[in-house]
């Protein structure tokens, strides 16, 4: 570590033309002296790569776990959430653009060591810590150190990510995560290229890896943007891929878009679109399909896949009915519900509490 906020990064190598190539994500940024990668927070200084947001946060809040969204990972519990600045995607529809698109690292005024974050989670009774607001892939070394500190005191860890990461750092990063919500932003490479500056396949690779090679609890979110990724055909193809490649037990959230950032002219997603998307995914065989960013009681509720009984009833992030036992089994038929559960649900509710370390 060179200074408090400039950390010697991993995942890079020199190339013959004298530049240093970042090996963290598929962008493979090649940097001359003083240059920054597309994420803006990984930079070359001399003959090394630095992560200059290590130990600094853009803010820390306590949220309901359902806000990540994770509906089947210790429902009702609280999660300490934080992020830094920058992003390795360039989504024109970004809903957190003031953080993820920031080019001003001076905004990172909160000094947040791994130990202080883990201790804050314990102090405030949080079941987990979430790396969120901007993509934790770009501050992977920092997130991994925080995760180690959390696990040392019995706190679980959550990654909210677009999943755009190379294989080796993916193994290292997710080895420290207990749960992840991955944004599957669309199901065409054309969408990814034009609206995110990235590609679809690396995200699919991350999803397959998480599902089949780790014990990380996985949920997926797709933000439906009118006229761009909300056709019945694309939703059907996405749902069928999740079913065939990942299986029926991975929860899928269809979330409503709200006009923002570089797409203010695109209308908000109608509720009818979200309801129809949910029906398409259920018809494809997925057992847990949710609606996000819109009020819809059925789309918030978790159903037993065996008998269709309501086992977790929600109103936004508030749990109004919880009928699972500690093993996640339905009291009516004994059928198992996929997820991570305790003997009773949390009762954090809809609150969002900003805290200072």
Protein backbone atom coordinates (compact mmCIF):
# COMPACT_ATOMS: atom_id res chain seq x y z
CA UNK A 1 0.00 0.00 0.00
CA UNK A 2 1.49 3.34 -1.00
CA UNK A 3 -0.77 5.77 0.87
CA UNK A 4 -4.01 5.55 2.86
CA UNK A 5 -6.05 5.80 -0.33
CA UNK A 6 -3.70 4.51 -3.03
CA UNK A 7 -3.47 0.76 -2.85
CA UNK A 8 -1.26 -1.47 -4.96
CA UNK A 9 -3.79 -3.27 -7.14
CA UNK A 10 -3.72 -6.87 -8.28
CA UNK A 11 -4.69 -8.21 -11.72
CA UNK A 12 -2.41 -6.53 -14.25
CA UNK A 13 0.67 -7.27 -16.32
CA UNK A 14 3.16 -5.36 -18.52
CA UNK A 15 2.83 -5.72 -22.28
CA UNK A 16 5.58 -5.41 -24.92
CA UNK A 17 4.78 -1.83 -25.97
CA UNK A 18 5.53 -0.56 -22.46
CA UNK A 19 1.96 -0.17 -21.27
CA UNK A 20 0.41 -1.99 -18.32
CA UNK A 21 -2.72 -4.03 -19.03
CA UNK A 22 -5.41 -4.31 -16.38
CA UNK A 23 -6.64 -7.90 -16.12
CA UNK A 24 -9.59 -7.28 -13.81
CA UNK A 25 -12.40 -7.11 -16.38
CA UNK A 26 -12.94 -7.78 -20.09
CA UNK A 27 -12.19 -4.16 -20.98
CA UNK A 28 -8.47 -5.03 -20.72
CA UNK A 29 -7.49 -1.36 -20.37
CA UNK A 30 -3.90 -0.69 -21.48
CA UNK A 31 -2.38 2.25 -19.66
CA UNK A 32 0.51 4.62 -20.16
CA UNK A 33 2.03 6.42 -17.17
CA UNK A 34 -0.60 8.44 -15.30
CA UNK A 35 -3.56 7.05 -17.21
CA UNK A 36 -6.69 5.67 -15.60
CA UNK A 37 -8.80 2.75 -16.76
CA UNK A 38 -12.36 3.10 -17.99
CA UNK A 39 -13.53 2.57 -14.40
CA UNK A 40 -11.53 5.69 -13.44
CA UNK A 41 -10.39 4.28 -10.09
CA UNK A 42 -7.60 1.99 -11.27
CA UNK A 43 -4.58 3.93 -12.51
CA UNK A 44 -0.97 3.47 -13.52
CA UNK A 45 1.73 5.06 -11.43
CA UNK A 46 5.24 4.17 -12.45
CA UNK A 47 5.50 0.45 -12.99
CA UNK A 48 2.48 -0.53 -10.93
CA UNK A 49 -1.29 -0.33 -10.94
CA UNK A 50 -3.05 1.46 -8.10
CA UNK A 51 -6.59 1.38 -6.72
CA UNK A 52 -7.05 4.93 -5.44
CA UNK A 53 -10.41 4.49 -3.68
CA UNK A 54 -9.23 1.91 -1.16
CA UNK A 55 -10.49 2.74 2.32
CA UNK A 56 -12.87 5.49 1.22
CA UNK A 57 -16.61 5.38 0.72
CA UNK A 58 -19.21 7.63 -0.88
CA UNK A 59 -21.49 6.94 2.09
CA UNK A 60 -22.77 4.16 4.32
CA UNK A 61 -26.41 3.25 4.98
CA UNK A 62 -28.35 0.44 6.57
CA UNK A 63 -30.99 -0.96 4.22
CA UNK A 64 -33.44 -3.86 4.16
CA UNK A 65 -31.85 -6.83 2.41
CA UNK A 66 -34.82 -6.88 0.01
CA UNK A 67 -33.62 -3.57 -1.42
CA UNK A 68 -30.49 -5.14 -2.94
CA UNK A 69 -32.71 -6.95 -4.11
CA UNK A 70 -32.36 -10.28 -2.31
CA UNK A 71 -35.70 -11.79 -1.36
CA UNK A 72 -34.50 -15.21 -0.30
CA UNK A 73 -31.37 -14.37 1.68
CA UNK A 74 -32.30 -13.94 5.35
CA UNK A 75 -35.57 -12.08 4.61
CA UNK A 76 -36.29 -8.99 6.68
CA UNK A 77 -32.70 -8.61 7.86
CA UNK A 78 -30.72 -5.40 7.72
CA UNK A 79 -27.66 -4.94 5.55
CA UNK A 80 -24.94 -2.34 5.88
CA UNK A 81 -24.48 -0.94 2.37
CA UNK A 82 -21.62 1.05 0.93
CA UNK A 83 -19.87 1.85 -2.32
CA UNK A 84 -17.04 3.98 -3.68
CA UNK A 85 -17.03 5.75 -7.06
CA UNK A 86 -16.63 4.81 -10.71
CA UNK A 87 -17.79 1.85 -12.80
CA UNK A 88 -16.45 -0.38 -15.56
CA UNK A 89 -19.68 -0.16 -17.57
CA UNK A 90 -21.06 2.97 -19.22
CA UNK A 91 -24.80 2.37 -18.89
CA UNK A 92 -26.79 5.22 -20.40
CA UNK A 93 -29.68 4.36 -18.08
CA UNK A 94 -27.70 4.23 -14.83
CA UNK A 95 -29.92 4.80 -11.79
CA UNK A 96 -26.93 5.62 -9.53
CA UNK A 97 -25.04 7.75 -12.06
CA UNK A 98 -24.00 10.42 -9.53
CA UNK A 99 -21.85 7.76 -7.81
CA UNK A 100 -20.97 5.27 -10.52
CA UNK A 101 -20.13 7.92 -13.11
CA UNK A 102 -18.27 10.15 -10.70
CA UNK A 103 -14.88 11.41 -11.83
CA UNK A 104 -14.30 13.20 -8.54
CA UNK A 105 -12.70 10.89 -6.00
CA UNK A 106 -12.65 13.78 -3.52
CA UNK A 107 -16.33 13.01 -2.97
CA UNK A 108 -15.18 9.91 -1.10
CA UNK A 109 -15.00 11.62 2.25
CA UNK A 110 -15.84 8.67 4.51
CA UNK A 111 -12.74 6.91 5.77
CA UNK A 112 -13.82 3.27 5.91
CA UNK A 113 -11.26 0.64 6.83
CA UNK A 114 -12.25 -3.01 6.50
CA UNK A 115 -12.25 -3.42 10.28
CA UNK A 116 -14.35 -0.30 10.91
CA UNK A 117 -16.99 -1.47 8.42
CA UNK A 118 -17.19 -4.94 9.96
CA UNK A 119 -17.42 -3.45 13.46
CA UNK A 120 -20.17 -1.04 12.35
CA UNK A 121 -22.18 -3.95 10.99
CA UNK A 122 -21.93 -5.75 14.32
CA UNK A 123 -22.71 -2.59 16.30
CA UNK A 124 -25.88 -1.92 14.30
CA UNK A 125 -27.06 -5.53 14.27
CA UNK A 126 -26.66 -6.06 10.52
CA UNK A 127 -26.75 -9.63 9.26
CA UNK A 128 -24.62 -8.71 6.26
CA UNK A 129 -22.57 -6.06 4.47
CA UNK A 130 -23.35 -5.23 0.84
CA UNK A 131 -20.94 -3.85 -1.73
CA UNK A 132 -23.31 -1.76 -3.80
CA UNK A 133 -24.23 1.69 -5.23
CA UNK A 134 -21.40 1.29 -7.73
CA UNK A 135 -19.99 -1.99 -8.99
CA UNK A 136 -17.71 -3.65 -6.41
CA UNK A 137 -15.79 -5.43 -9.16
CA UNK A 138 -13.75 -2.26 -9.70
CA UNK A 139 -12.75 -2.08 -6.02
CA UNK A 140 -12.33 -5.83 -5.70
CA UNK A 141 -9.24 -5.76 -3.47
CA UNK A 142 -10.94 -3.41 -1.01
CA UNK A 143 -14.17 -5.42 -1.05
CA UNK A 144 -12.28 -8.67 -0.45
CA UNK A 145 -10.45 -7.20 2.55
CA UNK A 146 -13.76 -5.93 3.97
CA UNK A 147 -15.31 -9.36 3.40
CA UNK A 148 -12.49 -11.06 5.29
CA UNK A 149 -12.97 -8.64 8.20
CA UNK A 150 -16.73 -9.28 8.16
CA UNK A 151 -16.39 -13.05 8.17
CA UNK A 152 -13.99 -12.79 11.12
CA UNK A 153 -16.84 -11.34 13.23
CA UNK A 154 -19.68 -13.46 11.84
CA UNK A 155 -21.11 -10.97 9.33
CA UNK A 156 -22.06 -12.18 5.87
CA UNK A 157 -21.27 -10.42 2.60
CA UNK A 158 -23.29 -9.46 -0.47
CA UNK A 159 -22.14 -8.29 -3.91
CA UNK A 160 -24.50 -6.21 -6.07
CA UNK A 161 -22.79 -6.32 -9.43
CA UNK A 162 -23.08 -6.40 -13.20
CA UNK A 163 -20.78 -9.43 -13.18
CA UNK A 164 -18.35 -7.99 -15.76
CA UNK A 165 -15.12 -9.57 -14.56
CA UNK A 166 -12.38 -11.92 -15.75
CA UNK A 167 -12.10 -15.52 -14.55
CA UNK A 168 -9.23 -15.29 -12.02
CA UNK A 169 -10.43 -12.18 -10.17
CA UNK A 170 -13.95 -13.63 -10.33
CA UNK A 171 -12.76 -16.70 -8.42
CA UNK A 172 -10.96 -14.58 -5.82
CA UNK A 173 -13.78 -12.08 -5.41
CA UNK A 174 -16.74 -14.43 -5.12
CA UNK A 175 -14.83 -16.77 -2.80
CA UNK A 176 -15.42 -14.01 -0.23
CA UNK A 177 -19.14 -13.49 -0.99
CA UNK A 178 -22.11 -15.22 0.62
CA UNK A 179 -24.73 -13.81 -1.77
CA UNK A 180 -24.88 -11.87 -5.00
CA UNK A 181 -27.45 -10.06 -7.05
CA UNK A 182 -26.23 -9.85 -10.63
CA UNK A 183 -27.68 -7.40 -13.12
CA UNK A 184 -28.52 -9.23 -16.32
CA UNK A 185 -29.20 -6.00 -18.16
CA UNK A 186 -30.65 -7.54 -21.32
CA UNK A 187 -30.36 -10.67 -23.41
CA UNK A 188 -28.79 -9.31 -26.59
CA UNK A 189 -25.20 -8.33 -27.21
CA UNK A 190 -26.47 -5.39 -29.26
CA UNK A 191 -28.07 -3.89 -26.13
CA UNK A 192 -24.91 -4.39 -24.10
CA UNK A 193 -22.67 -2.80 -26.73
CA UNK A 194 -24.88 0.20 -27.46
CA UNK A 195 -26.21 0.99 -23.98
CA UNK A 196 -23.54 -0.31 -21.58
CA UNK A 197 -20.30 -0.31 -23.56
CA UNK A 198 -19.79 -3.96 -22.68
CA UNK A 199 -20.72 -7.45 -23.92
CA UNK A 200 -23.27 -10.03 -22.80
CA UNK A 201 -21.21 -13.24 -22.75
CA UNK A 202 -18.90 -12.38 -19.81
CA UNK A 203 -22.00 -11.71 -17.68
CA UNK A 204 -23.50 -15.07 -18.65
CA UNK A 205 -20.16 -16.69 -17.79
CA UNK A 206 -20.27 -15.10 -14.33
CA UNK A 207 -23.82 -16.34 -13.74
CA UNK A 208 -22.93 -19.89 -14.78
CA UNK A 209 -19.84 -19.80 -12.58
CA UNK A 210 -21.76 -18.57 -9.55
CA UNK A 211 -24.52 -21.13 -9.94
CA UNK A 212 -22.45 -24.20 -10.67
CA UNK A 213 -19.03 -23.64 -9.10
CA UNK A 214 -19.75 -21.74 -5.87
CA UNK A 215 -22.03 -21.82 -2.85
CA UNK A 216 -22.92 -18.12 -3.27
CA UNK A 217 -26.67 -17.48 -3.01
CA UNK A 218 -27.61 -15.96 -6.39
CA UNK A 219 -30.46 -13.73 -7.50
CA UNK A 220 -30.77 -11.85 -10.81
CA UNK A 221 -32.21 -8.45 -11.67
CA UNK A 222 -33.24 -7.21 -15.12
CA UNK A 223 -34.24 -3.56 -15.45
CA UNK A 224 -36.90 -3.47 -18.17
CA UNK A 225 -36.49 -0.38 -20.37
CA UNK A 226 -39.41 0.36 -22.70
CA UNK A 227 -38.49 -0.17 -26.34
CA UNK A 228 -35.03 -1.54 -25.58
CA UNK A 229 -35.18 -4.89 -23.76
CA UNK A 230 -38.84 -5.41 -22.86
CA UNK A 231 -40.19 -7.39 -25.82
CA UNK A 232 -41.97 -10.66 -25.09
CA UNK A 233 -39.43 -12.43 -27.30
CA UNK A 234 -36.40 -11.15 -25.40
CA UNK A 235 -37.96 -11.71 -21.98
CA UNK A 236 -38.86 -15.23 -23.06
CA UNK A 237 -35.35 -15.95 -24.31
CA UNK A 238 -33.80 -14.59 -21.11
CA UNK A 239 -36.14 -16.62 -18.91
CA UNK A 240 -35.58 -19.80 -20.87
CA UNK A 241 -31.81 -19.33 -20.64
CA UNK A 242 -31.98 -18.86 -16.87
CA UNK A 243 -34.13 -21.99 -16.63
CA UNK A 244 -31.85 -24.15 -18.78
CA UNK A 245 -28.44 -22.79 -17.72
CA UNK A 246 -29.06 -22.00 -14.05
CA UNK A 247 -32.16 -23.94 -13.08
CA UNK A 248 -35.61 -23.07 -11.72
CA UNK A 249 -34.51 -22.00 -8.23
CA UNK A 250 -32.60 -18.80 -9.07
CA UNK A 251 -34.89 -15.86 -8.25
CA UNK A 252 -35.39 -13.38 -11.09
CA UNK A 253 -36.42 -9.77 -10.45
CA UNK A 254 -37.96 -7.64 -13.21
CA UNK A 255 -37.44 -4.05 -12.16
CA UNK A 256 -39.08 -0.84 -13.39
CA UNK A 257 -36.97 1.75 -15.21
CA UNK A 258 -37.34 5.41 -14.32
CA UNK A 259 -36.07 8.10 -16.74
CA UNK A 260 -32.58 9.15 -15.69
CA UNK A 261 -29.04 10.03 -16.74
CA UNK A 262 -28.70 9.89 -20.56
CA UNK A 263 -32.14 8.41 -21.22
CA UNK A 264 -34.57 11.01 -19.80
CA UNK A 265 -36.81 10.76 -22.86
CA UNK A 266 -37.60 7.07 -22.31
CA UNK A 267 -40.84 6.59 -20.33
CA UNK A 268 -41.02 4.69 -17.07
CA UNK A 269 -41.81 1.00 -17.32
CA UNK A 270 -45.57 0.37 -17.12
CA UNK A 271 -46.69 -2.03 -14.41
CA UNK A 272 -48.46 -4.13 -17.05
CA UNK A 273 -45.07 -4.80 -18.69
CA UNK A 274 -43.61 -6.06 -15.42
CA UNK A 275 -46.62 -8.26 -14.74
CA UNK A 276 -46.44 -9.78 -18.22
CA UNK A 277 -42.68 -10.37 -17.89
CA UNK A 278 -43.28 -12.19 -14.62
CA UNK A 279 -45.92 -14.39 -16.26
CA UNK A 280 -43.55 -15.24 -19.13
CA UNK A 281 -40.78 -16.23 -16.71
CA UNK A 282 -43.12 -18.34 -14.59
CA UNK A 283 -44.38 -20.07 -17.72
CA UNK A 284 -40.76 -20.85 -18.64
CA UNK A 285 -40.52 -22.81 -15.37
CA UNK A 286 -38.84 -20.37 -13.00
CA UNK A 287 -40.20 -20.75 -9.46
CA UNK A 288 -39.40 -17.35 -7.97
CA UNK A 289 -40.10 -14.29 -10.09
CA UNK A 290 -40.48 -10.85 -8.57
CA UNK A 291 -41.44 -7.32 -9.57
CA UNK A 292 -39.26 -4.44 -8.40
CA UNK A 293 -39.48 -0.64 -8.25
CA UNK A 294 -43.27 -0.89 -8.49
CA UNK A 295 -45.99 -1.77 -6.01
CA UNK A 296 -47.46 -5.19 -6.73
CA UNK A 297 -48.25 -7.46 -3.82
CA UNK A 298 -48.25 -10.70 -5.81
CA UNK A 299 -44.96 -9.72 -7.42
CA UNK A 300 -43.46 -9.12 -3.98
CA UNK A 301 -44.62 -12.44 -2.52
CA UNK A 302 -42.66 -15.67 -2.28
CA UNK A 303 -44.74 -18.76 -3.08
CA UNK A 304 -44.09 -22.38 -2.17
CA UNK A 305 -43.08 -24.04 -5.46
CA UNK A 306 -44.81 -27.27 -4.46
CA UNK A 307 -48.26 -26.10 -3.32
CA UNK A 308 -48.24 -22.38 -4.25
CA UNK A 309 -49.03 -21.29 -0.68
CA UNK A 310 -47.95 -17.77 0.29
CA UNK A 311 -44.87 -18.32 2.46
CA UNK A 312 -43.42 -14.78 2.54
CA UNK A 313 -45.85 -11.92 2.00
CA UNK A 314 -44.34 -8.49 1.38
CA UNK A 315 -45.49 -4.93 0.88
CA UNK A 316 -42.50 -3.26 -0.76
CA UNK A 317 -39.71 -4.11 1.72
CA UNK A 318 -42.01 -4.80 4.66
CA UNK A 319 -42.70 -8.44 5.54
CA UNK A 320 -46.35 -8.87 6.53
CA UNK A 321 -46.46 -12.65 6.64
CA UNK A 322 -43.72 -15.23 7.16
CA UNK A 323 -44.49 -18.94 7.38
CA UNK A 324 -41.19 -20.72 6.69
CA UNK A 325 -39.32 -22.76 9.27
CA UNK A 326 -35.56 -22.45 9.88
CA UNK A 327 -34.85 -24.84 7.01
CA UNK A 328 -36.99 -22.85 4.60
CA UNK A 329 -39.84 -25.37 4.39
CA UNK A 330 -43.51 -24.66 3.75
CA UNK A 331 -45.76 -25.39 6.77
CA UNK A 332 -48.59 -26.58 4.51
CA UNK A 333 -46.88 -29.24 2.43
CA UNK A 334 -43.33 -29.44 3.77
CA UNK A 335 -41.90 -28.38 0.42
CA UNK A 336 -38.51 -26.67 0.48
CA UNK A 337 -38.08 -23.08 -0.64
CA UNK A 338 -34.66 -22.26 -2.07
CA UNK A 339 -32.62 -19.68 -0.18
CA UNK A 340 -30.88 -18.89 3.10
CA UNK A 341 -33.15 -18.69 6.12
CA UNK A 342 -33.07 -18.38 9.91
CA UNK A 343 -35.51 -19.64 12.53
CA UNK A 344 -37.40 -16.35 12.23
CA UNK A 345 -37.38 -13.46 9.80
CA UNK A 346 -35.92 -10.05 10.51
CA UNK A 347 -38.12 -7.04 11.09
CA UNK A 348 -35.99 -4.18 9.80
CA UNK A 349 -38.81 -3.07 7.50
CA UNK A 350 -38.61 -0.30 4.92
CA UNK A 351 -36.18 1.96 6.73
CA UNK A 352 -33.01 3.41 5.25
CA UNK A 353 -30.62 4.71 7.89
CA UNK A 354 -27.48 6.69 7.08
CA UNK A 355 -24.66 6.11 9.54
CA UNK A 356 -21.21 7.50 10.27
CA UNK A 357 -18.26 5.39 11.25
